[in-house]
Amino acid sequence: MAFWSEVRSIVRWLLRRPDPPPPPGTGDTIQAAEQHAARQRLLGQAQAERLRNSRWWSEPTQPNAYVPLTLGQRTGYQVRYDR
């Protein structure tokens, strides 16, 4: 396919013919598709904002079992020297 398009462009260049204009309504179709994509991105941003404002990310999904802390964890692994 790419080969034939190259051949076509070379033949057009040799004959000095301009490319035909796009069919009518092509710009409207492209613009509508771009607007739809932008609208979807905005909706995605609105949903992300709504999720950021909710507390789903800060709440644990499962309760954690109690695990006692070691002495080092309780003291922050700091060593106290007596003088």
C-alpha atoms as a PDB file:
ATOM      1  CA  MET A   1       0.000   0.000   0.000  1.00  0.00           C
ATOM      2  CA  ALA A   2       2.762   2.438   0.914  1.00  0.00           C
ATOM      3  CA  PHE A   3       4.577   1.571  -2.301  1.00  0.00           C
ATOM      4  CA  TRP A   4       1.597   2.511  -4.466  1.00  0.00           C
ATOM      5  CA  SER A   5       1.032   5.767  -2.606  1.00  0.00           C
ATOM      6  CA  GLU A   6       4.660   6.687  -3.231  1.00  0.00           C
ATOM      7  CA  VAL A   7       4.304   5.806  -6.912  1.00  0.00           C
ATOM      8  CA  ARG A   8       1.135   7.894  -7.083  1.00  0.00           C
ATOM      9  CA  SER A   9       2.817  10.901  -5.461  1.00  0.00           C
ATOM     10  CA  ILE A  10       5.771  10.641  -7.874  1.00  0.00           C
ATOM     11  CA  VAL A  11       3.442  10.455 -10.871  1.00  0.00           C
ATOM     12  CA  ARG A  12       1.483  13.459  -9.583  1.00  0.00           C
ATOM     13  CA  TRP A  13       4.710  15.373  -9.069  1.00  0.00           C
ATOM     14  CA  LEU A  14       5.834  14.494 -12.590  1.00  0.00           C
ATOM     15  CA  LEU A  15       2.507  15.601 -14.051  1.00  0.00           C
ATOM     16  CA  ARG A  16       2.442  18.643 -11.728  1.00  0.00           C
ATOM     17  CA  ARG A  17      -1.104  18.001 -10.585  1.00  0.00           C
ATOM     18  CA  PRO A  18      -2.140  19.194  -7.156  1.00  0.00           C
ATOM     19  CA  ASP A  19      -3.716  16.737  -4.742  1.00  0.00           C
ATOM     20  CA  PRO A  20      -7.492  16.821  -4.885  1.00  0.00           C
ATOM     21  CA  PRO A  21      -9.178  18.620  -1.998  1.00  0.00           C
ATOM     22  CA  PRO A  22     -10.613  16.470   0.778  1.00  0.00           C
ATOM     23  CA  PRO A  23     -14.283  15.582   0.515  1.00  0.00           C
ATOM     24  CA  PRO A  24     -16.674  18.123   2.021  1.00  0.00           C
ATOM     25  CA  GLY A  25     -17.401  17.666   5.705  1.00  0.00           C
ATOM     26  CA  THR A  26     -14.042  16.083   6.510  1.00  0.00           C
ATOM     27  CA  GLY A  27     -13.025  18.993   8.739  1.00  0.00           C
ATOM     28  CA  ASP A  28     -16.317  18.829  10.637  1.00  0.00           C
ATOM     29  CA  THR A  29     -15.865  15.106  11.240  1.00  0.00           C
ATOM     30  CA  ILE A  30     -12.309  15.569  12.498  1.00  0.00           C
ATOM     31  CA  GLN A  31     -13.341  18.468  14.725  1.00  0.00           C
ATOM     32  CA  ALA A  32     -16.244  16.469  16.187  1.00  0.00           C
ATOM     33  CA  ALA A  33     -13.900  13.563  16.968  1.00  0.00           C
ATOM     34  CA  GLU A  34     -11.399  15.897  18.657  1.00  0.00           C
ATOM     35  CA  GLN A  35     -14.164  17.537  20.700  1.00  0.00           C
ATOM     36  CA  HIS A  36     -15.420  14.124  21.783  1.00  0.00           C
ATOM     37  CA  ALA A  37     -11.898  13.102  22.879  1.00  0.00           C
ATOM     38  CA  ALA A  38     -11.467  16.378  24.801  1.00  0.00           C
ATOM     39  CA  ARG A  39     -14.835  15.892  26.491  1.00  0.00           C
ATOM     40  CA  GLN A  40     -13.817  12.373  27.548  1.00  0.00           C
ATOM     41  CA  ARG A  41     -10.544  13.727  28.988  1.00  0.00           C
ATOM     42  CA  LEU A  42     -12.456  16.374  30.938  1.00  0.00           C
ATOM     43  CA  LEU A  43     -14.845  13.763  32.282  1.00  0.00           C
ATOM     44  CA  GLY A  44     -11.839  11.664  33.256  1.00  0.00           C
ATOM     45  CA  GLN A  45     -10.325  14.640  35.088  1.00  0.00           C
ATOM     46  CA  ALA A  46     -13.628  15.319  36.863  1.00  0.00           C
ATOM     47  CA  GLN A  47     -13.824  11.703  37.980  1.00  0.00           C
ATOM     48  CA  ALA A  48     -10.196  11.813  39.156  1.00  0.00           C
ATOM     49  CA  GLU A  49     -10.942  14.973  41.150  1.00  0.00           C
ATOM     50  CA  ARG A  50     -13.996  13.331  42.688  1.00  0.00           C
ATOM     51  CA  LEU A  51     -11.927  10.301  43.674  1.00  0.00           C
ATOM     52  CA  ARG A  52      -9.169  12.508  45.078  1.00  0.00           C
ATOM     53  CA  ASN A  53     -11.711  14.272  47.272  1.00  0.00           C
ATOM     54  CA  SER A  54     -13.102  10.994  48.557  1.00  0.00           C
ATOM     55  CA  ARG A  55     -11.263   9.035  51.216  1.00  0.00           C
ATOM     56  CA  TRP A  56     -11.007   5.735  49.335  1.00  0.00           C
ATOM     57  CA  TRP A  57      -7.210   6.018  49.146  1.00  0.00           C
ATOM     58  CA  SER A  58      -6.623   6.576  52.859  1.00  0.00           C
ATOM     59  CA  GLU A  59      -8.782   3.809  54.259  1.00  0.00           C
ATOM     60  CA  PRO A  60      -7.335   0.303  54.446  1.00  0.00           C
ATOM     61  CA  THR A  61      -9.016  -2.286  52.268  1.00  0.00           C
ATOM     62  CA  GLN A  62      -8.547  -5.014  54.875  1.00  0.00           C
ATOM     63  CA  PRO A  63      -8.132  -4.712  58.614  1.00  0.00           C
ATOM     64  CA  ASN A  64      -4.566  -5.348  59.702  1.00  0.00           C
ATOM     65  CA  ALA A  65      -3.865  -7.908  62.374  1.00  0.00           C
ATOM     66  CA  TYR A  66      -2.253  -6.504  65.498  1.00  0.00           C
ATOM     67  CA  VAL A  67       1.473  -7.018  65.480  1.00  0.00           C
ATOM     68  CA  PRO A  68       3.294  -5.843  68.595  1.00  0.00           C
ATOM     69  CA  LEU A  69       6.179  -3.470  68.054  1.00  0.00           C
ATOM     70  CA  THR A  70       9.702  -4.357  69.025  1.00  0.00           C
ATOM     71  CA  LEU A  71      11.626  -2.208  71.457  1.00  0.00           C
ATOM     72  CA  GLY A  72      13.636  -0.721  68.603  1.00  0.00           C
ATOM     73  CA  GLN A  73      10.497   0.214  66.689  1.00  0.00           C
ATOM     74  CA  ARG A  74       8.949   1.802  69.784  1.00  0.00           C
ATOM     75  CA  THR A  75      12.009   3.920  70.481  1.00  0.00           C
ATOM     76  CA  GLY A  76      12.702   4.713  66.853  1.00  0.00           C
ATOM     77  CA  TYR A  77      15.957   2.724  66.994  1.00  0.00           C
ATOM     78  CA  GLN A  78      17.532   5.471  69.055  1.00  0.00           C
ATOM     79  CA  VAL A  79      20.154   4.589  71.599  1.00  0.00           C
ATOM     80  CA  ARG A  80      20.248   6.483  74.864  1.00  0.00           C
ATOM     81  CA  TYR A  81      23.592   6.657  76.554  1.00  0.00           C
ATOM     82  CA  ASP A  82      23.852   7.358  80.273  1.00  0.00           C
ATOM     83  CA  ARG A  83      26.509   9.879  81.215  1.00  0.00           C
END
